[in-house]
Amino acid sequence: EREGVSCLSINDDYTYYTDNVKGRFTLSRDKVKNTMTLQLHNLAPE
């Protein structure tokens, strides 16, 4: 099933990560480029 991993609130006030990715993934937004980025570290097969 599709699962949510992370979200970032409007105004960048709050970031949420699921327990299985917290500490390994980072979500951010670039206002100038109008993009969002997810950095994934220490990746595992799952």
ModelCIF file with pLDDT and N, C-alpha, C, O atoms, coordinates in Angstrom:
data_MODEL
#
_entry.id   MODEL 
#
_entity.id                         1 
_entity.type                       polymer 
_entity.pdbx_number_of_molecules   1 
#
_entity_poly.entity_id                      1 
_entity_poly.type                           'polypeptide(L)' 
_entity_poly.nstd_linkage                   no 
_entity_poly.nstd_monomer                   no 
_entity_poly.pdbx_seq_one_letter_code       EREGVSCLSINDDYTYYTDNVKGRFTLSRDKVKNTMTLQLHNLAPE 
_entity_poly.pdbx_seq_one_letter_code_can   EREGVSCLSINDDYTYYTDNVKGRFTLSRDKVKNTMTLQLHNLAPE 
_entity_poly.pdbx_strand_id                 A 
#
loop_
_entity_poly_seq.entity_id 
_entity_poly_seq.num 
_entity_poly_seq.mon_id 
_entity_poly_seq.hetero 
1 1  GLU n 
1 2  ARG n 
1 3  GLU n 
1 4  GLY n 
1 5  VAL n 
1 6  SER n 
1 7  CYS n 
1 8  LEU n 
1 9  SER n 
1 10 ILE n 
1 11 ASN n 
1 12 ASP n 
1 13 ASP n 
1 14 TYR n 
1 15 THR n 
1 16 TYR n 
1 17 TYR n 
1 18 THR n 
1 19 ASP n 
1 20 ASN n 
1 21 VAL n 
1 22 LYS n 
1 23 GLY n 
1 24 ARG n 
1 25 PHE n 
1 26 THR n 
1 27 LEU n 
1 28 SER n 
1 29 ARG n 
1 30 ASP n 
1 31 LYS n 
1 32 VAL n 
1 33 LYS n 
1 34 ASN n 
1 35 THR n 
1 36 MET n 
1 37 THR n 
1 38 LEU n 
1 39 GLN n 
1 40 LEU n 
1 41 HIS n 
1 42 ASN n 
1 43 LEU n 
1 44 ALA n 
1 45 PRO n 
1 46 GLU n 
#
_struct_asym.id          A 
_struct_asym.entity_id   1 
#
loop_
_ma_qa_metric.id 
_ma_qa_metric.mode 
_ma_qa_metric.name 
_ma_qa_metric.software_group_id 
_ma_qa_metric.type 
1 global pLDDT . pLDDT 
2 local  pLDDT . pLDDT 
#
_ma_qa_metric_global.metric_id      1 
_ma_qa_metric_global.metric_value   96.78 
_ma_qa_metric_global.model_id       1 
_ma_qa_metric_global.ordinal_id     1 
#
loop_
_ma_qa_metric_local.label_asym_id 
_ma_qa_metric_local.label_comp_id 
_ma_qa_metric_local.label_seq_id 
_ma_qa_metric_local.metric_id 
_ma_qa_metric_local.metric_value 
_ma_qa_metric_local.model_id 
_ma_qa_metric_local.ordinal_id 
A GLU 1  2 94.00 1 1  
A ARG 2  2 94.00 1 2  
A GLU 3  2 96.00 1 3  
A GLY 4  2 97.00 1 4  
A VAL 5  2 98.00 1 5  
A SER 6  2 98.00 1 6  
A CYS 7  2 98.00 1 7  
A LEU 8  2 98.00 1 8  
A SER 9  2 97.00 1 9  
A ILE 10 2 95.00 1 10 
A ASN 11 2 92.00 1 11 
A ASP 12 2 94.00 1 12 
A ASP 13 2 92.00 1 13 
A TYR 14 2 96.00 1 14 
A THR 15 2 97.00 1 15 
A TYR 16 2 97.00 1 16 
A TYR 17 2 98.00 1 17 
A THR 18 2 98.00 1 18 
A ASP 19 2 97.00 1 19 
A ASN 20 2 95.00 1 20 
A VAL 21 2 98.00 1 21 
A LYS 22 2 97.00 1 22 
A GLY 23 2 98.00 1 23 
A ARG 24 2 98.00 1 24 
A PHE 25 2 98.00 1 25 
A THR 26 2 98.00 1 26 
A LEU 27 2 98.00 1 27 
A SER 28 2 97.00 1 28 
A ARG 29 2 96.00 1 29 
A ASP 30 2 97.00 1 30 
A LYS 31 2 95.00 1 31 
A VAL 32 2 96.00 1 32 
A LYS 33 2 97.00 1 33 
A ASN 34 2 98.00 1 34 
A THR 35 2 98.00 1 35 
A MET 36 2 98.00 1 36 
A THR 37 2 98.00 1 37 
A LEU 38 2 98.00 1 38 
A GLN 39 2 98.00 1 39 
A LEU 40 2 98.00 1 40 
A HIS 41 2 98.00 1 41 
A ASN 42 2 98.00 1 42 
A LEU 43 2 98.00 1 43 
A ALA 44 2 97.00 1 44 
A PRO 45 2 96.00 1 45 
A GLU 46 2 95.00 1 46 
#
loop_
_atom_site.group_PDB 
_atom_site.id 
_atom_site.type_symbol 
_atom_site.label_atom_id 
_atom_site.label_alt_id 
_atom_site.label_comp_id 
_atom_site.label_asym_id 
_atom_site.label_entity_id 
_atom_site.label_seq_id 
_atom_site.pdbx_PDB_ins_code 
_atom_site.Cartn_x 
_atom_site.Cartn_y 
_atom_site.Cartn_z 
_atom_site.occupancy 
_atom_site.B_iso_or_equiv 
_atom_site.pdbx_formal_charge 
_atom_site.auth_seq_id 
_atom_site.auth_comp_id 
_atom_site.auth_asym_id 
_atom_site.auth_atom_id 
_atom_site.pdbx_PDB_model_num 
ATOM 1   N N  . GLU A 1 1  ? 0.823  -1.200 0.000  1.00 94.00 ? 1  GLU A N  1 
ATOM 2   C CA . GLU A 1 1  ? 0.000  0.000  0.000  1.00 94.00 ? 1  GLU A CA 1 
ATOM 3   C C  . GLU A 1 1  ? 0.862  1.256  0.000  1.00 94.00 ? 1  GLU A C  1 
ATOM 4   O O  . GLU A 1 1  ? 1.933  1.283  0.605  1.00 94.00 ? 1  GLU A O  1 
ATOM 5   N N  . ARG A 1 2  ? 0.394  2.282  -0.674 1.00 94.00 ? 2  ARG A N  1 
ATOM 6   C CA . ARG A 1 2  ? 1.089  3.554  -0.652 1.00 94.00 ? 2  ARG A CA 1 
ATOM 7   C C  . ARG A 1 2  ? 1.094  4.132  0.755  1.00 94.00 ? 2  ARG A C  1 
ATOM 8   O O  . ARG A 1 2  ? 0.079  4.092  1.451  1.00 94.00 ? 2  ARG A O  1 
ATOM 9   N N  . GLU A 1 3  ? 2.218  4.661  1.169  1.00 96.00 ? 3  GLU A N  1 
ATOM 10  C CA . GLU A 1 3  ? 2.338  5.220  2.496  1.00 96.00 ? 3  GLU A CA 1 
ATOM 11  C C  . GLU A 1 3  ? 2.956  6.605  2.451  1.00 96.00 ? 3  GLU A C  1 
ATOM 12  O O  . GLU A 1 3  ? 3.840  6.881  1.641  1.00 96.00 ? 3  GLU A O  1 
ATOM 13  N N  . GLY A 1 4  ? 2.483  7.460  3.323  1.00 97.00 ? 4  GLY A N  1 
ATOM 14  C CA . GLY A 1 4  ? 3.109  8.753  3.481  1.00 97.00 ? 4  GLY A CA 1 
ATOM 15  C C  . GLY A 1 4  ? 4.433  8.610  4.195  1.00 97.00 ? 4  GLY A C  1 
ATOM 16  O O  . GLY A 1 4  ? 4.571  7.795  5.107  1.00 97.00 ? 4  GLY A O  1 
ATOM 17  N N  . VAL A 1 5  ? 5.396  9.391  3.787  1.00 98.00 ? 5  VAL A N  1 
ATOM 18  C CA . VAL A 1 5  ? 6.736  9.353  4.360  1.00 98.00 ? 5  VAL A CA 1 
ATOM 19  C C  . VAL A 1 5  ? 7.024  10.602 5.175  1.00 98.00 ? 5  VAL A C  1 
ATOM 20  O O  . VAL A 1 5  ? 7.515  10.522 6.301  1.00 98.00 ? 5  VAL A O  1 
ATOM 21  N N  . SER A 1 6  ? 6.718  11.747 4.602  1.00 98.00 ? 6  SER A N  1 
ATOM 22  C CA . SER A 1 6  ? 7.066  13.004 5.239  1.00 98.00 ? 6  SER A CA 1 
ATOM 23  C C  . SER A 1 6  ? 6.200  14.121 4.696  1.00 98.00 ? 6  SER A C  1 
ATOM 24  O O  . SER A 1 6  ? 5.722  14.052 3.564  1.00 98.00 ? 6  SER A O  1 
ATOM 25  N N  . CYS A 1 7  ? 6.002  15.139 5.492  1.00 98.00 ? 7  CYS A N  1 
ATOM 26  C CA . CYS A 1 7  ? 5.310  16.329 5.015  1.00 98.00 ? 7  CYS A CA 1 
ATOM 27  C C  . CYS A 1 7  ? 5.905  17.568 5.667  1.00 98.00 ? 7  CYS A C  1 
ATOM 28  O O  . CYS A 1 7  ? 6.485  17.513 6.752  1.00 98.00 ? 7  CYS A O  1 
ATOM 29  N N  . LEU A 1 8  ? 5.743  18.677 4.975  1.00 98.00 ? 8  LEU A N  1 
ATOM 30  C CA . LEU A 1 8  ? 6.222  19.974 5.424  1.00 98.00 ? 8  LEU A CA 1 
ATOM 31  C C  . LEU A 1 8  ? 5.066  20.951 5.312  1.00 98.00 ? 8  LEU A C  1 
ATOM 32  O O  . LEU A 1 8  ? 4.450  21.077 4.254  1.00 98.00 ? 8  LEU A O  1 
ATOM 33  N N  . SER A 1 9  ? 4.776  21.639 6.399  1.00 97.00 ? 9  SER A N  1 
ATOM 34  C CA . SER A 1 9  ? 3.628  22.524 6.431  1.00 97.00 ? 9  SER A CA 1 
ATOM 35  C C  . SER A 1 9  ? 3.858  23.787 5.616  1.00 97.00 ? 9  SER A C  1 
ATOM 36  O O  . SER A 1 9  ? 4.988  24.133 5.271  1.00 97.00 ? 9  SER A O  1 
ATOM 37  N N  . ILE A 1 10 ? 2.759  24.461 5.321  1.00 95.00 ? 10 ILE A N  1 
ATOM 38  C CA . ILE A 1 10 ? 2.860  25.783 4.732  1.00 95.00 ? 10 ILE A CA 1 
ATOM 39  C C  . ILE A 1 10 ? 3.657  26.675 5.673  1.00 95.00 ? 10 ILE A C  1 
ATOM 40  O O  . ILE A 1 10 ? 3.574  26.539 6.894  1.00 95.00 ? 10 ILE A O  1 
ATOM 41  N N  . ASN A 1 11 ? 4.412  27.568 5.106  1.00 92.00 ? 11 ASN A N  1 
ATOM 42  C CA . ASN A 1 11 ? 5.268  28.477 5.863  1.00 92.00 ? 11 ASN A CA 1 
ATOM 43  C C  . ASN A 1 11 ? 6.446  27.772 6.529  1.00 92.00 ? 11 ASN A C  1 
ATOM 44  O O  . ASN A 1 11 ? 7.168  28.387 7.313  1.00 92.00 ? 11 ASN A O  1 
ATOM 45  N N  . ASP A 1 12 ? 6.648  26.491 6.228  1.00 94.00 ? 12 ASP A N  1 
ATOM 46  C CA . ASP A 1 12 ? 7.765  25.699 6.764  1.00 94.00 ? 12 ASP A CA 1 
ATOM 47  C C  . ASP A 1 12 ? 7.785  25.689 8.284  1.00 94.00 ? 12 ASP A C  1 
ATOM 48  O O  . ASP A 1 12 ? 8.854  25.649 8.894  1.00 94.00 ? 12 ASP A O  1 
ATOM 49  N N  . ASP A 1 13 ? 6.609  25.726 8.898  1.00 92.00 ? 13 ASP A N  1 
ATOM 50  C CA . ASP A 1 13 ? 6.519  25.741 10.353 1.00 92.00 ? 13 ASP A CA 1 
ATOM 51  C C  . ASP A 1 13 ? 6.810  24.392 10.989 1.00 92.00 ? 13 ASP A C  1 
ATOM 52  O O  . ASP A 1 13 ? 7.337  24.332 12.100 1.00 92.00 ? 13 ASP A O  1 
ATOM 53  N N  . TYR A 1 14 ? 6.477  23.320 10.305 1.00 96.00 ? 14 TYR A N  1 
ATOM 54  C CA . TYR A 1 14 ? 6.460  21.996 10.910 1.00 96.00 ? 14 TYR A CA 1 
ATOM 55  C C  . TYR A 1 14 ? 6.812  20.943 9.882  1.00 96.00 ? 14 TYR A C  1 
ATOM 56  O O  . TYR A 1 14 ? 6.356  20.996 8.740  1.00 96.00 ? 14 TYR A O  1 
ATOM 57  N N  . THR A 1 15 ? 7.612  20.000 10.287 1.00 97.00 ? 15 THR A N  1 
ATOM 58  C CA . THR A 1 15 ? 7.975  18.863 9.442  1.00 97.00 ? 15 THR A CA 1 
ATOM 59  C C  . THR A 1 15 ? 7.649  17.575 10.175 1.00 97.00 ? 15 THR A C  1 
ATOM 60  O O  . THR A 1 15 ? 7.944  17.433 11.362 1.00 97.00 ? 15 THR A O  1 
ATOM 61  N N  . TYR A 1 16 ? 7.051  16.656 9.477  1.00 97.00 ? 16 TYR A N  1 
ATOM 62  C CA . TYR A 1 16 ? 6.713  15.362 10.049 1.00 97.00 ? 16 TYR A CA 1 
ATOM 63  C C  . TYR A 1 16 ? 7.375  14.246 9.251  1.00 97.00 ? 16 TYR A C  1 
ATOM 64  O O  . TYR A 1 16 ? 7.407  14.277 8.021  1.00 97.00 ? 16 TYR A O  1 
ATOM 65  N N  . TYR A 1 17 ? 7.904  13.258 9.976  1.00 98.00 ? 17 TYR A N  1 
ATOM 66  C CA . TYR A 1 17 ? 8.470  12.069 9.368  1.00 98.00 ? 17 TYR A CA 1 
ATOM 67  C C  . TYR A 1 17 ? 7.892  10.836 10.045 1.00 98.00 ? 17 TYR A C  1 
ATOM 68  O O  . TYR A 1 17 ? 7.676  10.832 11.257 1.00 98.00 ? 17 TYR A O  1 
ATOM 69  N N  . THR A 1 18 ? 7.645  9.809  9.277  1.00 98.00 ? 18 THR A N  1 
ATOM 70  C CA . THR A 1 18 ? 7.247  8.551  9.881  1.00 98.00 ? 18 THR A CA 1 
ATOM 71  C C  . THR A 1 18 ? 8.428  7.965  10.647 1.00 98.00 ? 18 THR A C  1 
ATOM 72  O O  . THR A 1 18 ? 9.585  8.286  10.373 1.00 98.00 ? 18 THR A O  1 
ATOM 73  N N  . ASP A 1 19 ? 8.118  7.105  11.605 1.00 97.00 ? 19 ASP A N  1 
ATOM 74  C CA . ASP A 1 19 ? 9.159  6.575  12.480 1.00 97.00 ? 19 ASP A CA 1 
ATOM 75  C C  . ASP A 1 19 ? 10.233 5.810  11.717 1.00 97.00 ? 19 ASP A C  1 
ATOM 76  O O  . ASP A 1 19 ? 11.398 5.818  12.114 1.00 97.00 ? 19 ASP A O  1 
ATOM 77  N N  . ASN A 1 20 ? 9.857  5.157  10.637 1.00 95.00 ? 20 ASN A N  1 
ATOM 78  C CA . ASN A 1 20 ? 10.826 4.336  9.935  1.00 95.00 ? 20 ASN A CA 1 
ATOM 79  C C  . ASN A 1 20 ? 11.774 5.131  9.039  1.00 95.00 ? 20 ASN A C  1 
ATOM 80  O O  . ASN A 1 20 ? 12.707 4.559  8.474  1.00 95.00 ? 20 ASN A O  1 
ATOM 81  N N  . VAL A 1 21 ? 11.552 6.430  8.900  1.00 98.00 ? 21 VAL A N  1 
ATOM 82  C CA . VAL A 1 21 ? 12.476 7.247  8.116  1.00 98.00 ? 21 VAL A CA 1 
ATOM 83  C C  . VAL A 1 21 ? 13.066 8.403  8.918  1.00 98.00 ? 21 VAL A C  1 
ATOM 84  O O  . VAL A 1 21 ? 14.037 9.023  8.483  1.00 98.00 ? 21 VAL A O  1 
ATOM 85  N N  . LYS A 1 22 ? 12.504 8.693  10.057 1.00 97.00 ? 22 LYS A N  1 
ATOM 86  C CA . LYS A 1 22 ? 12.970 9.812  10.858 1.00 97.00 ? 22 LYS A CA 1 
ATOM 87  C C  . LYS A 1 22 ? 14.440 9.627  11.221 1.00 97.00 ? 22 LYS A C  1 
ATOM 88  O O  . LYS A 1 22 ? 14.859 8.553  11.652 1.00 97.00 ? 22 LYS A O  1 
ATOM 89  N N  . GLY A 1 23 ? 15.203 10.685 11.038 1.00 98.00 ? 23 GLY A N  1 
ATOM 90  C CA . GLY A 1 23 ? 16.630 10.635 11.283 1.00 98.00 ? 23 GLY A CA 1 
ATOM 91  C C  . GLY A 1 23 ? 17.442 10.247 10.072 1.00 98.00 ? 23 GLY A C  1 
ATOM 92  O O  . GLY A 1 23 ? 18.662 10.411 10.069 1.00 98.00 ? 23 GLY A O  1 
ATOM 93  N N  . ARG A 1 24 ? 16.793 9.735  9.041  1.00 98.00 ? 24 ARG A N  1 
ATOM 94  C CA . ARG A 1 24 ? 17.471 9.339  7.812  1.00 98.00 ? 24 ARG A CA 1 
ATOM 95  C C  . ARG A 1 24 ? 17.054 10.180 6.612  1.00 98.00 ? 24 ARG A C  1 
ATOM 96  O O  . ARG A 1 24 ? 17.853 10.402 5.702  1.00 98.00 ? 24 ARG A O  1 
ATOM 97  N N  . PHE A 1 25 ? 15.815 10.646 6.604  1.00 98.00 ? 25 PHE A N  1 
ATOM 98  C CA . PHE A 1 25 ? 15.290 11.440 5.492  1.00 98.00 ? 25 PHE A CA 1 
ATOM 99  C C  . PHE A 1 25 ? 15.086 12.879 5.942  1.00 98.00 ? 25 PHE A C  1 
ATOM 100 O O  . PHE A 1 25 ? 14.774 13.139 7.104  1.00 98.00 ? 25 PHE A O  1 
ATOM 101 N N  . THR A 1 26 ? 15.264 13.807 5.016  1.00 98.00 ? 26 THR A N  1 
ATOM 102 C CA . THR A 1 26 ? 15.047 15.216 5.297  1.00 98.00 ? 26 THR A CA 1 
ATOM 103 C C  . THR A 1 26 ? 14.261 15.857 4.170  1.00 98.00 ? 26 THR A C  1 
ATOM 104 O O  . THR A 1 26 ? 14.646 15.767 3.004  1.00 98.00 ? 26 THR A O  1 
ATOM 105 N N  . LEU A 1 27 ? 13.159 16.503 4.519  1.00 98.00 ? 27 LEU A N  1 
ATOM 106 C CA . LEU A 1 27 ? 12.302 17.187 3.552  1.00 98.00 ? 27 LEU A CA 1 
ATOM 107 C C  . LEU A 1 27 ? 12.511 18.688 3.671  1.00 98.00 ? 27 LEU A C  1 
ATOM 108 O O  . LEU A 1 27 ? 12.531 19.234 4.774  1.00 98.00 ? 27 LEU A O  1 
ATOM 109 N N  . SER A 1 28 ? 12.665 19.349 2.537  1.00 97.00 ? 28 SER A N  1 
ATOM 110 C CA . SER A 1 28 ? 12.845 20.791 2.530  1.00 97.00 ? 28 SER A CA 1 
ATOM 111 C C  . SER A 1 28 ? 12.206 21.391 1.293  1.00 97.00 ? 28 SER A C  1 
ATOM 112 O O  . SER A 1 28 ? 11.816 20.682 0.365  1.00 97.00 ? 28 SER A O  1 
ATOM 113 N N  . ARG A 1 29 ? 12.107 22.701 1.300  1.00 96.00 ? 29 ARG A N  1 
ATOM 114 C CA . ARG A 1 29 ? 11.510 23.425 0.187  1.00 96.00 ? 29 ARG A CA 1 
ATOM 115 C C  . ARG A 1 29 ? 12.431 24.556 -0.231 1.00 96.00 ? 29 ARG A C  1 
ATOM 116 O O  . ARG A 1 29 ? 13.010 25.238 0.614  1.00 96.00 ? 29 ARG A O  1 
ATOM 117 N N  . ASP A 1 30 ? 12.565 24.751 -1.520 1.00 97.00 ? 30 ASP A N  1 
ATOM 118 C CA . ASP A 1 30 ? 13.338 25.854 -2.064 1.00 97.00 ? 30 ASP A CA 1 
ATOM 119 C C  . ASP A 1 30 ? 12.358 26.845 -2.674 1.00 97.00 ? 30 ASP A C  1 
ATOM 120 O O  . ASP A 1 30 ? 11.773 26.581 -3.724 1.00 97.00 ? 30 ASP A O  1 
ATOM 121 N N  . LYS A 1 31 ? 12.183 27.964 -2.028 1.00 95.00 ? 31 LYS A N  1 
ATOM 122 C CA . LYS A 1 31 ? 11.201 28.943 -2.480 1.00 95.00 ? 31 LYS A CA 1 
ATOM 123 C C  . LYS A 1 31 ? 11.574 29.560 -3.818 1.00 95.00 ? 31 LYS A C  1 
ATOM 124 O O  . LYS A 1 31 ? 10.707 29.827 -4.650 1.00 95.00 ? 31 LYS A O  1 
ATOM 125 N N  . VAL A 1 32 ? 12.864 29.785 -4.024 1.00 96.00 ? 32 VAL A N  1 
ATOM 126 C CA . VAL A 1 32 ? 13.315 30.432 -5.249 1.00 96.00 ? 32 VAL A CA 1 
ATOM 127 C C  . VAL A 1 32 ? 13.116 29.521 -6.453 1.00 96.00 ? 32 VAL A C  1 
ATOM 128 O O  . VAL A 1 32 ? 12.628 29.957 -7.496 1.00 96.00 ? 32 VAL A O  1 
ATOM 129 N N  . LYS A 1 33 ? 13.495 28.260 -6.303 1.00 97.00 ? 33 LYS A N  1 
ATOM 130 C CA . LYS A 1 33 ? 13.384 27.304 -7.395 1.00 97.00 ? 33 LYS A CA 1 
ATOM 131 C C  . LYS A 1 33 ? 11.985 26.711 -7.528 1.00 97.00 ? 33 LYS A C  1 
ATOM 132 O O  . LYS A 1 33 ? 11.692 26.029 -8.510 1.00 97.00 ? 33 LYS A O  1 
ATOM 133 N N  . ASN A 1 34 ? 11.122 26.965 -6.550 1.00 98.00 ? 34 ASN A N  1 
ATOM 134 C CA . ASN A 1 34 ? 9.781  26.391 -6.536 1.00 98.00 ? 34 ASN A CA 1 
ATOM 135 C C  . ASN A 1 34 ? 9.850  24.862 -6.596 1.00 98.00 ? 34 ASN A C  1 
ATOM 136 O O  . ASN A 1 34 ? 9.166  24.220 -7.393 1.00 98.00 ? 34 ASN A O  1 
ATOM 137 N N  . THR A 1 35 ? 10.688 24.310 -5.741 1.00 98.00 ? 35 THR A N  1 
ATOM 138 C CA . THR A 1 35 ? 10.869 22.871 -5.682 1.00 98.00 ? 35 THR A CA 1 
ATOM 139 C C  . THR A 1 35 ? 10.793 22.380 -4.244 1.00 98.00 ? 35 THR A C  1 
ATOM 140 O O  . THR A 1 35 ? 10.893 23.165 -3.301 1.00 98.00 ? 35 THR A O  1 
ATOM 141 N N  . MET A 1 36 ? 10.618 21.096 -4.090 1.00 98.00 ? 36 MET A N  1 
ATOM 142 C CA . MET A 1 36 ? 10.751 20.436 -2.806 1.00 98.00 ? 36 MET A CA 1 
ATOM 143 C C  . MET A 1 36 ? 11.740 19.296 -2.971 1.00 98.00 ? 36 MET A C  1 
ATOM 144 O O  . MET A 1 36 ? 11.841 18.699 -4.043 1.00 98.00 ? 36 MET A O  1 
ATOM 145 N N  . THR A 1 37 ? 12.463 18.999 -1.913 1.00 98.00 ? 37 THR A N  1 
ATOM 146 C CA . THR A 1 37 ? 13.523 18.017 -1.969 1.00 98.00 ? 37 THR A CA 1 
ATOM 147 C C  . THR A 1 37 ? 13.397 17.039 -0.813 1.00 98.00 ? 37 THR A C  1 
ATOM 148 O O  . THR A 1 37 ? 13.086 17.425 0.314  1.00 98.00 ? 37 THR A O  1 
ATOM 149 N N  . LEU A 1 38 ? 13.640 15.786 -1.102 1.00 98.00 ? 38 LEU A N  1 
ATOM 150 C CA . LEU A 1 38 ? 13.720 14.765 -0.071 1.00 98.00 ? 38 LEU A CA 1 
ATOM 151 C C  . LEU A 1 38 ? 15.109 14.146 -0.132 1.00 98.00 ? 38 LEU A C  1 
ATOM 152 O O  . LEU A 1 38 ? 15.469 13.513 -1.124 1.00 98.00 ? 38 LEU A O  1 
ATOM 153 N N  . GLN A 1 39 ? 15.880 14.328 0.919  1.00 98.00 ? 39 GLN A N  1 
ATOM 154 C CA . GLN A 1 39 ? 17.193 13.720 1.031  1.00 98.00 ? 39 GLN A CA 1 
ATOM 155 C C  . GLN A 1 39 ? 17.055 12.404 1.781  1.00 98.00 ? 39 GLN A C  1 
ATOM 156 O O  . GLN A 1 39 ? 16.504 12.355 2.880  1.00 98.00 ? 39 GLN A O  1 
ATOM 157 N N  . LEU A 1 40 ? 17.558 11.351 1.176  1.00 98.00 ? 40 LEU A N  1 
ATOM 158 C CA . LEU A 1 40 ? 17.469 10.017 1.743  1.00 98.00 ? 40 LEU A CA 1 
ATOM 159 C C  . LEU A 1 40 ? 18.874 9.525  2.061  1.00 98.00 ? 40 LEU A C  1 
ATOM 160 O O  . LEU A 1 40 ? 19.737 9.492  1.185  1.00 98.00 ? 40 LEU A O  1 
ATOM 161 N N  . HIS A 1 41 ? 19.100 9.148  3.301  1.00 98.00 ? 41 HIS A N  1 
ATOM 162 C CA . HIS A 1 41 ? 20.402 8.671  3.738  1.00 98.00 ? 41 HIS A CA 1 
ATOM 163 C C  . HIS A 1 41 ? 20.270 7.300  4.384  1.00 98.00 ? 41 HIS A C  1 
ATOM 164 O O  . HIS A 1 41 ? 19.205 6.904  4.856  1.00 98.00 ? 41 HIS A O  1 
ATOM 165 N N  . ASN A 1 42 ? 21.395 6.592  4.385  1.00 98.00 ? 42 ASN A N  1 
ATOM 166 C CA . ASN A 1 42 ? 21.466 5.266  4.996  1.00 98.00 ? 42 ASN A CA 1 
ATOM 167 C C  . ASN A 1 42 ? 20.328 4.372  4.509  1.00 98.00 ? 42 ASN A C  1 
ATOM 168 O O  . ASN A 1 42 ? 19.605 3.769  5.301  1.00 98.00 ? 42 ASN A O  1 
ATOM 169 N N  . LEU A 1 43 ? 20.194 4.306  3.214  1.00 98.00 ? 43 LEU A N  1 
ATOM 170 C CA . LEU A 1 43 ? 19.085 3.571  2.619  1.00 98.00 ? 43 LEU A CA 1 
ATOM 171 C C  . LEU A 1 43 ? 19.212 2.073  2.848  1.00 98.00 ? 43 LEU A C  1 
ATOM 172 O O  . LEU A 1 43 ? 20.307 1.510  2.845  1.00 98.00 ? 43 LEU A O  1 
ATOM 173 N N  . ALA A 1 44 ? 18.077 1.456  3.044  1.00 97.00 ? 44 ALA A N  1 
ATOM 174 C CA . ALA A 1 44 ? 17.976 0.021  3.258  1.00 97.00 ? 44 ALA A CA 1 
ATOM 175 C C  . ALA A 1 44 ? 17.060 -0.580 2.202  1.00 97.00 ? 44 ALA A C  1 
ATOM 176 O O  . ALA A 1 44 ? 16.278 0.142  1.583  1.00 97.00 ? 44 ALA A O  1 
ATOM 177 N N  . PRO A 1 45 ? 17.144 -1.886 1.986  1.00 96.00 ? 45 PRO A N  1 
ATOM 178 C CA . PRO A 1 45 ? 16.280 -2.508 0.976  1.00 96.00 ? 45 PRO A CA 1 
ATOM 179 C C  . PRO A 1 45 ? 14.797 -2.208 1.165  1.00 96.00 ? 45 PRO A C  1 
ATOM 180 O O  . PRO A 1 45 ? 14.065 -2.088 0.183  1.00 96.00 ? 45 PRO A O  1 
ATOM 181 N N  . GLU A 1 46 ? 14.349 -2.085 2.391  1.00 95.00 ? 46 GLU A N  1 
ATOM 182 C CA . GLU A 1 46 ? 12.940 -1.795 2.635  1.00 95.00 ? 46 GLU A CA 1 
ATOM 183 C C  . GLU A 1 46 ? 12.525 -0.392 2.213  1.00 95.00 ? 46 GLU A C  1 
ATOM 184 O O  . GLU A 1 46 ? 11.362 -0.020 2.365  1.00 95.00 ? 46 GLU A O  1 
#
